[in-house]
């Protein structure tokens, strides 16, 4: 194996290589384009392996490597895997450190991130876009509410309906205020239409994944939450245990234990933001005191780790009860053995 490392940026990419029997050798930087990367890959020896840091530009490079057949020889490394010093930080030094780390990868494995396959990437892109449009639409509604408050208006009905908009036009507002309201209403209508279109596209794409349909059998999980959860989690085989999956969600309590000091704090907030949002959304009804939804929240949080452990205890269930951490209330709900319907979920192979 000949280690090759690259520090990828939007403009150009620094590269380094350790030829057999030689020291670190800096290669000529290249532009971060598909053509430049294909040309550089053709120049590298066939036994080379390449490592890059996790970044947006690195995401693009990983897709290029995948197209070129380098997926098995590519390493997408977390930034924490490089011992960069704040007082000695440059792209050239980062590249040299990364290639040295890759050279001893067999002895000291790099902390690699999971790069999803193309179908999961497409589903994740559509799911995040749908969530982003919904957030922009909510921000637009909040902006309209702030405009109403600024002008002392207290509408008796929703101002986004036809009657509500007509009521706005009847108010004694300045020309500038009327223009602002009209512009916000046009933006709201545009985002509503785009949200519906995006949701239809997401539903059509999620239909190709039987795992999404299986998740929708859990009470409280519709097509949106199921698609978001599966697109953010992807292949369950990449998790060694249910605990690893729970840590990935970022909904587990943080802890600090050193010497005589032992503290437990709020959730870690690690992992995908939209996965955490989907799980919290499913758990919110239980925080509101709806007893009927408490089991739904537990299933929404725990059914997937159960599938990850499927077959390890002979029944496809948990080896020990789980506890659900609620982000909204910062409290825990006692774990309990899941019912027959959840065990049925656990017997299906989602891999």
Protein backbone atom coordinates (compact mmCIF):
# COMPACT_ATOMS: atom_id res chain seq x y z
CA UNK A 1 0.00 0.00 0.00
CA UNK A 2 1.27 3.44 -0.95
CA UNK A 3 -0.35 6.11 1.23
CA UNK A 4 -1.63 9.28 -0.43
CA UNK A 5 -3.36 12.14 1.40
CA UNK A 6 -5.12 15.26 0.24
CA UNK A 7 -6.27 18.42 1.98
CA UNK A 8 -9.32 19.35 -0.08
CA UNK A 9 -10.58 22.90 -0.47
CA UNK A 10 -12.90 24.63 -2.91
CA UNK A 11 -10.07 26.24 -4.87
CA UNK A 12 -7.28 23.67 -4.86
CA UNK A 13 -6.18 20.46 -3.20
CA UNK A 14 -2.83 19.78 -1.57
CA UNK A 15 -1.54 16.23 -1.95
CA UNK A 16 1.25 14.19 -0.39
CA UNK A 17 2.52 10.65 -0.92
CA UNK A 18 5.00 8.32 0.76
CA UNK A 19 6.71 6.27 -2.00
CA UNK A 20 8.21 2.90 -0.96
CA UNK A 21 11.43 3.41 0.97
CA UNK A 22 11.19 7.21 0.85
CA UNK A 23 10.02 10.07 3.05
CA UNK A 24 6.92 12.17 2.60
CA UNK A 25 6.79 13.69 -0.87
CA UNK A 26 4.55 16.67 -1.63
CA UNK A 27 2.79 16.43 -4.98
CA UNK A 28 1.80 19.30 -7.19
CA UNK A 29 -1.49 20.84 -5.98
CA UNK A 30 -4.50 20.39 -8.27
CA UNK A 31 -7.76 22.24 -8.76
CA UNK A 32 -10.80 20.78 -7.06
CA UNK A 33 -12.56 19.76 -10.26
CA UNK A 34 -13.73 16.44 -11.58
CA UNK A 35 -11.35 16.53 -14.56
CA UNK A 36 -8.30 17.41 -12.45
CA UNK A 37 -9.02 14.63 -9.98
CA UNK A 38 -9.52 12.04 -12.72
CA UNK A 39 -6.20 13.02 -14.27
CA UNK A 40 -4.39 12.83 -10.93
CA UNK A 41 -5.92 9.41 -10.12
CA UNK A 42 -4.67 8.11 -13.45
CA UNK A 43 -1.14 9.20 -12.48
CA UNK A 44 -1.15 7.47 -9.07
CA UNK A 45 0.19 3.91 -8.71
CA UNK A 46 -2.47 1.16 -8.66
CA UNK A 47 -1.57 0.10 -5.09
CA UNK A 48 -2.14 3.60 -3.70
CA UNK A 49 -4.75 4.40 -1.05
CA UNK A 50 -5.98 7.95 -0.52
CA UNK A 51 -7.30 9.75 2.57
CA UNK A 52 -9.17 13.05 2.91
CA UNK A 53 -10.73 14.96 5.77
CA UNK A 54 -14.50 15.11 6.18
CA UNK A 55 -15.74 18.31 4.53
CA UNK A 56 -18.16 19.53 1.88
CA UNK A 57 -15.43 19.56 -0.75
CA UNK A 58 -14.28 16.16 0.49
CA UNK A 59 -17.83 14.90 -0.11
CA UNK A 60 -17.46 15.88 -3.76
CA UNK A 61 -14.07 14.21 -4.02
CA UNK A 62 -15.44 11.01 -2.50
CA UNK A 63 -18.11 10.87 -5.19
CA UNK A 64 -15.41 11.30 -7.86
CA UNK A 65 -13.33 8.52 -6.31
CA UNK A 66 -16.40 6.31 -6.24
CA UNK A 67 -17.03 6.92 -9.94
CA UNK A 68 -13.38 6.11 -10.71
CA UNK A 69 -13.50 2.80 -8.85
CA UNK A 70 -11.44 3.97 -5.86
CA UNK A 71 -14.14 3.52 -3.24
CA UNK A 72 -12.45 0.57 -1.51
CA UNK A 73 -9.13 2.43 -1.42
CA UNK A 74 -10.54 5.73 -0.16
CA UNK A 75 -10.62 6.88 3.47
CA UNK A 76 -12.92 9.70 4.60
CA UNK A 77 -11.30 10.77 7.86
CA UNK A 78 -12.72 12.84 10.70
CA UNK A 79 -10.77 16.00 11.40
CA UNK A 80 -10.06 14.74 14.93
CA UNK A 81 -7.87 12.07 13.40
CA UNK A 82 -5.16 14.59 12.55
CA UNK A 83 -2.95 15.99 15.27
CA UNK A 84 -3.01 19.53 13.92
CA UNK A 85 -1.54 22.16 16.21
CA UNK A 86 -3.30 25.51 16.35
CA UNK A 87 0.03 27.32 16.41
CA UNK A 88 1.30 25.36 13.40
CA UNK A 89 -1.68 25.10 11.08
CA UNK A 90 -1.45 25.08 7.30
CA UNK A 91 -2.86 22.98 4.48
CA UNK A 92 0.60 21.64 3.71
CA UNK A 93 1.18 20.50 7.30
CA UNK A 94 -2.29 18.95 7.50
CA UNK A 95 -1.59 16.95 4.36
CA UNK A 96 1.76 15.68 5.66
CA UNK A 97 0.23 14.66 8.99
CA UNK A 98 -2.65 12.88 7.32
CA UNK A 99 -0.44 10.86 4.98
CA UNK A 100 1.71 9.79 7.95
CA UNK A 101 -1.44 8.68 9.78
CA UNK A 102 -2.53 6.68 6.74
CA UNK A 103 0.88 4.99 6.53
CA UNK A 104 0.28 3.36 9.95
CA UNK A 105 -3.41 2.77 9.36
CA UNK A 106 -3.04 -0.99 9.86
CA UNK A 107 -1.60 -0.46 13.34
CA UNK A 108 -3.51 2.66 14.38
CA UNK A 109 -6.77 2.81 12.36
CA UNK A 110 -8.00 6.23 11.29
CA UNK A 111 -11.35 7.49 12.64
CA UNK A 112 -13.25 7.20 9.36
CA UNK A 113 -16.69 8.56 8.59
CA UNK A 114 -19.28 6.53 6.71
CA UNK A 115 -19.82 7.62 3.12
CA UNK A 116 -23.32 6.52 2.09
CA UNK A 117 -23.93 4.78 -1.24
CA UNK A 118 -25.60 6.76 -4.07
CA UNK A 119 -29.22 5.68 -3.32
CA UNK A 120 -28.94 6.75 0.33
CA UNK A 121 -27.22 9.99 -0.68
CA UNK A 122 -30.08 10.83 -3.03
CA UNK A 123 -32.71 10.05 -0.41
CA UNK A 124 -30.82 12.07 2.22
CA UNK A 125 -30.51 15.04 -0.14
CA UNK A 126 -34.26 15.05 -0.83
CA UNK A 127 -35.11 14.60 2.85
CA UNK A 128 -32.88 17.44 4.00
CA UNK A 129 -34.20 19.69 1.25
CA UNK A 130 -37.77 19.01 2.33
CA UNK A 131 -36.89 19.80 5.95
CA UNK A 132 -35.05 22.96 4.91
CA UNK A 133 -38.03 24.23 2.91
CA UNK A 134 -40.33 23.64 5.87
CA UNK A 135 -37.95 25.62 8.08
CA UNK A 136 -37.89 28.54 5.63
CA UNK A 137 -41.67 28.49 5.45
CA UNK A 138 -41.94 28.61 9.24
CA UNK A 139 -39.47 31.51 9.33
CA UNK A 140 -41.63 33.38 6.82
CA UNK A 141 -44.71 32.88 8.98
CA UNK A 142 -42.79 34.14 12.00
CA UNK A 143 -41.71 37.21 10.05
CA UNK A 144 -45.35 37.98 9.20
CA UNK A 145 -46.30 37.60 12.86
CA UNK A 146 -43.55 40.06 13.80
CA UNK A 147 -44.87 42.54 11.24
CA UNK A 148 -48.35 42.23 12.76
CA UNK A 149 -46.91 42.85 16.19
CA UNK A 150 -44.89 45.85 15.00
CA UNK A 151 -48.05 47.53 13.69
CA UNK A 152 -50.25 46.61 16.65
CA UNK A 153 -52.55 44.30 14.65
CA UNK A 154 -54.43 41.50 16.42
CA UNK A 155 -56.14 39.40 13.73
CA UNK A 156 -58.98 37.11 14.77
CA UNK A 157 -58.20 34.57 12.07
CA UNK A 158 -55.20 33.19 10.22
CA UNK A 159 -53.81 35.93 8.01
CA UNK A 160 -52.52 33.47 5.43
CA UNK A 161 -56.03 32.60 4.21
CA UNK A 162 -57.84 34.65 1.57
CA UNK A 163 -60.01 36.34 4.21
CA UNK A 164 -56.98 37.02 6.40
CA UNK A 165 -55.10 38.69 3.55
CA UNK A 166 -58.14 40.77 2.65
CA UNK A 167 -58.30 41.88 6.29
CA UNK A 168 -54.66 43.01 6.09
CA UNK A 169 -55.41 45.14 3.02
CA UNK A 170 -58.27 46.86 4.86
CA UNK A 171 -56.03 48.05 7.69
CA UNK A 172 -54.67 51.59 7.83
CA UNK A 173 -51.09 50.70 7.02
CA UNK A 174 -48.41 52.64 5.21
CA UNK A 175 -47.54 51.79 1.63
CA UNK A 176 -44.26 50.26 2.73
CA UNK A 177 -45.98 48.00 5.27
CA UNK A 178 -48.49 46.81 2.67
CA UNK A 179 -45.61 46.02 0.29
CA UNK A 180 -43.85 44.03 3.02
CA UNK A 181 -46.97 42.00 3.77
CA UNK A 182 -47.59 41.35 0.07
CA UNK A 183 -44.00 40.22 -0.43
CA UNK A 184 -44.12 37.90 2.59
CA UNK A 185 -47.38 36.35 1.34
CA UNK A 186 -45.85 35.73 -2.10
CA UNK A 187 -42.80 34.14 -0.49
CA UNK A 188 -45.05 32.03 1.74
CA UNK A 189 -47.06 30.78 -1.27
CA UNK A 190 -43.88 29.97 -3.16
CA UNK A 191 -42.38 28.01 -0.25
CA UNK A 192 -45.67 26.17 0.30
CA UNK A 193 -45.75 25.03 -3.32
CA UNK A 194 -42.08 24.02 -3.22
CA UNK A 195 -42.60 22.14 0.03
CA UNK A 196 -45.44 20.12 -1.47
CA UNK A 197 -43.40 19.37 -4.59
CA UNK A 198 -40.38 18.39 -2.53
CA UNK A 199 -42.48 16.14 -0.32
CA UNK A 200 -43.94 14.37 -3.37
CA UNK A 201 -40.43 13.79 -4.73
CA UNK A 202 -39.26 12.47 -1.36
CA UNK A 203 -42.23 10.12 -1.10
CA UNK A 204 -41.55 8.75 -4.58
CA UNK A 205 -37.86 8.22 -3.81
CA UNK A 206 -38.58 6.60 -0.43
CA UNK A 207 -40.90 4.07 -2.11
CA UNK A 208 -37.79 2.26 -3.38
CA UNK A 209 -36.68 1.51 0.20
CA UNK A 210 -38.65 -1.24 2.00
CA UNK A 211 -37.02 -0.11 5.24
CA UNK A 212 -38.96 3.17 5.08
CA UNK A 213 -42.24 1.30 4.68
CA UNK A 214 -41.30 -0.89 7.64
CA UNK A 215 -40.58 2.14 9.80
CA UNK A 216 -43.99 3.57 8.93
CA UNK A 217 -45.60 0.60 10.67
CA UNK A 218 -44.42 2.11 13.96
CA UNK A 219 -47.25 4.27 15.39
CA UNK A 220 -46.38 7.94 15.12
CA UNK A 221 -43.93 7.64 12.22
CA UNK A 222 -45.29 8.90 8.89
CA UNK A 223 -43.66 9.04 5.49
CA UNK A 224 -41.68 12.16 6.35
CA UNK A 225 -40.12 11.05 9.65
CA UNK A 226 -39.50 7.53 8.37
CA UNK A 227 -37.69 8.80 5.28
CA UNK A 228 -35.58 11.25 7.31
CA UNK A 229 -34.63 8.61 9.90
CA UNK A 230 -33.61 6.00 7.36
CA UNK A 231 -31.75 8.44 5.09
CA UNK A 232 -29.69 9.70 8.03
CA UNK A 233 -28.94 6.25 9.43
CA UNK A 234 -28.48 4.21 6.28
CA UNK A 235 -26.85 0.81 6.61
CA UNK A 236 -27.31 -0.54 10.13
CA UNK A 237 -24.44 -2.98 9.64
CA UNK A 238 -22.00 -0.12 10.20
CA UNK A 239 -22.98 0.08 13.88
CA UNK A 240 -21.25 -2.40 16.16
CA UNK A 241 -24.01 -2.29 18.78
CA UNK A 242 -27.22 -0.59 19.77
CA UNK A 243 -25.22 1.71 22.04
CA UNK A 244 -23.19 2.88 19.04
CA UNK A 245 -26.41 3.75 17.24
CA UNK A 246 -27.73 5.63 20.26
CA UNK A 247 -24.50 7.63 20.47
CA UNK A 248 -24.81 8.42 16.77
CA UNK A 249 -28.17 10.11 17.33
CA UNK A 250 -26.68 12.55 19.85
CA UNK A 251 -29.64 12.09 22.21
CA UNK A 252 -27.69 10.37 24.98
CA UNK A 253 -26.64 12.30 28.11
CA UNK A 254 -23.13 13.67 28.18
CA UNK A 255 -20.86 12.57 31.01
CA UNK A 256 -17.61 13.63 32.62
CA UNK A 257 -15.87 11.19 34.93
CA UNK A 258 -12.33 11.92 36.12
CA UNK A 259 -10.86 11.20 39.52
CA UNK A 260 -13.42 12.08 42.17
CA UNK A 261 -15.54 14.16 39.78
CA UNK A 262 -18.47 12.48 38.05
CA UNK A 263 -21.06 14.59 36.25
CA UNK A 264 -23.85 13.94 33.77
CA UNK A 265 -25.09 16.79 31.62
CA UNK A 266 -27.42 17.48 28.71
CA UNK A 267 -27.48 15.49 25.50
CA UNK A 268 -24.32 15.38 23.43
CA UNK A 269 -25.93 16.81 20.25
CA UNK A 270 -23.52 14.75 18.16
CA UNK A 271 -24.49 13.23 14.85
CA UNK A 272 -26.97 14.36 12.17
CA UNK A 273 -29.18 17.28 13.18
CA UNK A 274 -32.17 16.10 11.16
CA UNK A 275 -32.04 12.61 12.65
CA UNK A 276 -32.18 14.15 16.10
CA UNK A 277 -35.06 16.38 15.01
CA UNK A 278 -37.04 13.42 13.69
CA UNK A 279 -36.62 11.40 16.88
CA UNK A 280 -37.45 14.36 19.11
CA UNK A 281 -40.53 15.10 17.00
CA UNK A 282 -41.72 11.55 17.55
CA UNK A 283 -41.02 11.83 21.29
CA UNK A 284 -42.71 15.20 21.84
CA UNK A 285 -46.25 13.79 22.36
CA UNK A 286 -45.04 11.76 25.33
CA UNK A 287 -43.52 14.90 26.86
CA UNK A 288 -46.94 16.57 26.56
CA UNK A 289 -48.45 13.96 28.86
CA UNK A 290 -50.22 11.90 26.22
CA UNK A 291 -49.99 8.43 27.67
CA UNK A 292 -51.04 6.89 24.39
CA UNK A 293 -47.96 8.32 22.66
CA UNK A 294 -45.43 7.31 25.30
CA UNK A 295 -45.04 3.86 23.78
CA UNK A 296 -44.80 5.46 20.35
CA UNK A 297 -41.92 7.64 21.47
CA UNK A 298 -40.09 4.67 22.96
CA UNK A 299 -40.59 2.63 19.78
CA UNK A 300 -39.52 5.50 17.56
CA UNK A 301 -36.28 5.79 19.50
CA UNK A 302 -35.57 2.16 20.28
CA UNK A 303 -36.93 0.03 17.45
CA UNK A 304 -33.97 0.73 15.16
CA UNK A 305 -31.29 -0.20 17.70
CA UNK A 306 -33.34 -3.34 18.28
CA UNK A 307 -33.02 -4.24 14.62
CA UNK A 308 -29.29 -3.60 14.84
CA UNK A 309 -29.10 -6.25 17.58
CA UNK A 310 -31.46 -8.62 15.77
CA UNK A 311 -30.54 -12.23 16.45
CA UNK A 312 -27.99 -11.56 19.17
CA UNK A 313 -30.28 -12.62 21.98
CA UNK A 314 -32.22 -15.27 20.07
CA UNK A 315 -35.46 -13.27 19.90
CA UNK A 316 -34.38 -10.18 17.97
CA UNK A 317 -34.85 -8.07 21.10
CA UNK A 318 -32.76 -6.08 23.55
CA UNK A 319 -30.36 -7.63 26.00
CA UNK A 320 -31.27 -4.95 28.51
CA UNK A 321 -34.00 -2.32 28.77
CA UNK A 322 -33.38 1.01 27.11
CA UNK A 323 -34.09 4.44 28.49
CA UNK A 324 -35.46 7.21 26.34
CA UNK A 325 -33.83 10.60 26.79
CA UNK A 326 -36.20 13.47 26.02
CA UNK A 327 -34.47 16.59 24.72
CA UNK A 328 -37.45 18.83 25.50
CA UNK A 329 -37.88 17.83 29.14
CA UNK A 330 -34.31 16.72 29.92
CA UNK A 331 -35.81 13.73 31.69
CA UNK A 332 -35.75 9.99 31.23
CA UNK A 333 -38.58 7.57 30.74
CA UNK A 334 -38.06 4.15 32.34
CA UNK A 335 -37.19 1.49 29.82
CA UNK A 336 -39.45 -1.49 29.45
CA UNK A 337 -39.59 -4.65 27.39
CA UNK A 338 -41.01 -3.94 23.96
CA UNK A 339 -44.28 -5.54 22.95
CA UNK A 340 -44.94 -8.21 20.33
CA UNK A 341 -45.34 -5.65 17.56
CA UNK A 342 -41.83 -4.28 18.19
CA UNK A 343 -40.37 -7.78 18.29
CA UNK A 344 -41.94 -8.33 14.90
CA UNK A 345 -40.06 -5.29 13.63
CA UNK A 346 -36.87 -6.73 15.04
CA UNK A 347 -37.23 -9.97 13.10
CA UNK A 348 -37.07 -8.19 9.72
CA UNK A 349 -33.65 -7.84 8.19
CA UNK A 350 -33.24 -4.17 7.22
CA UNK A 351 -29.78 -4.72 5.82
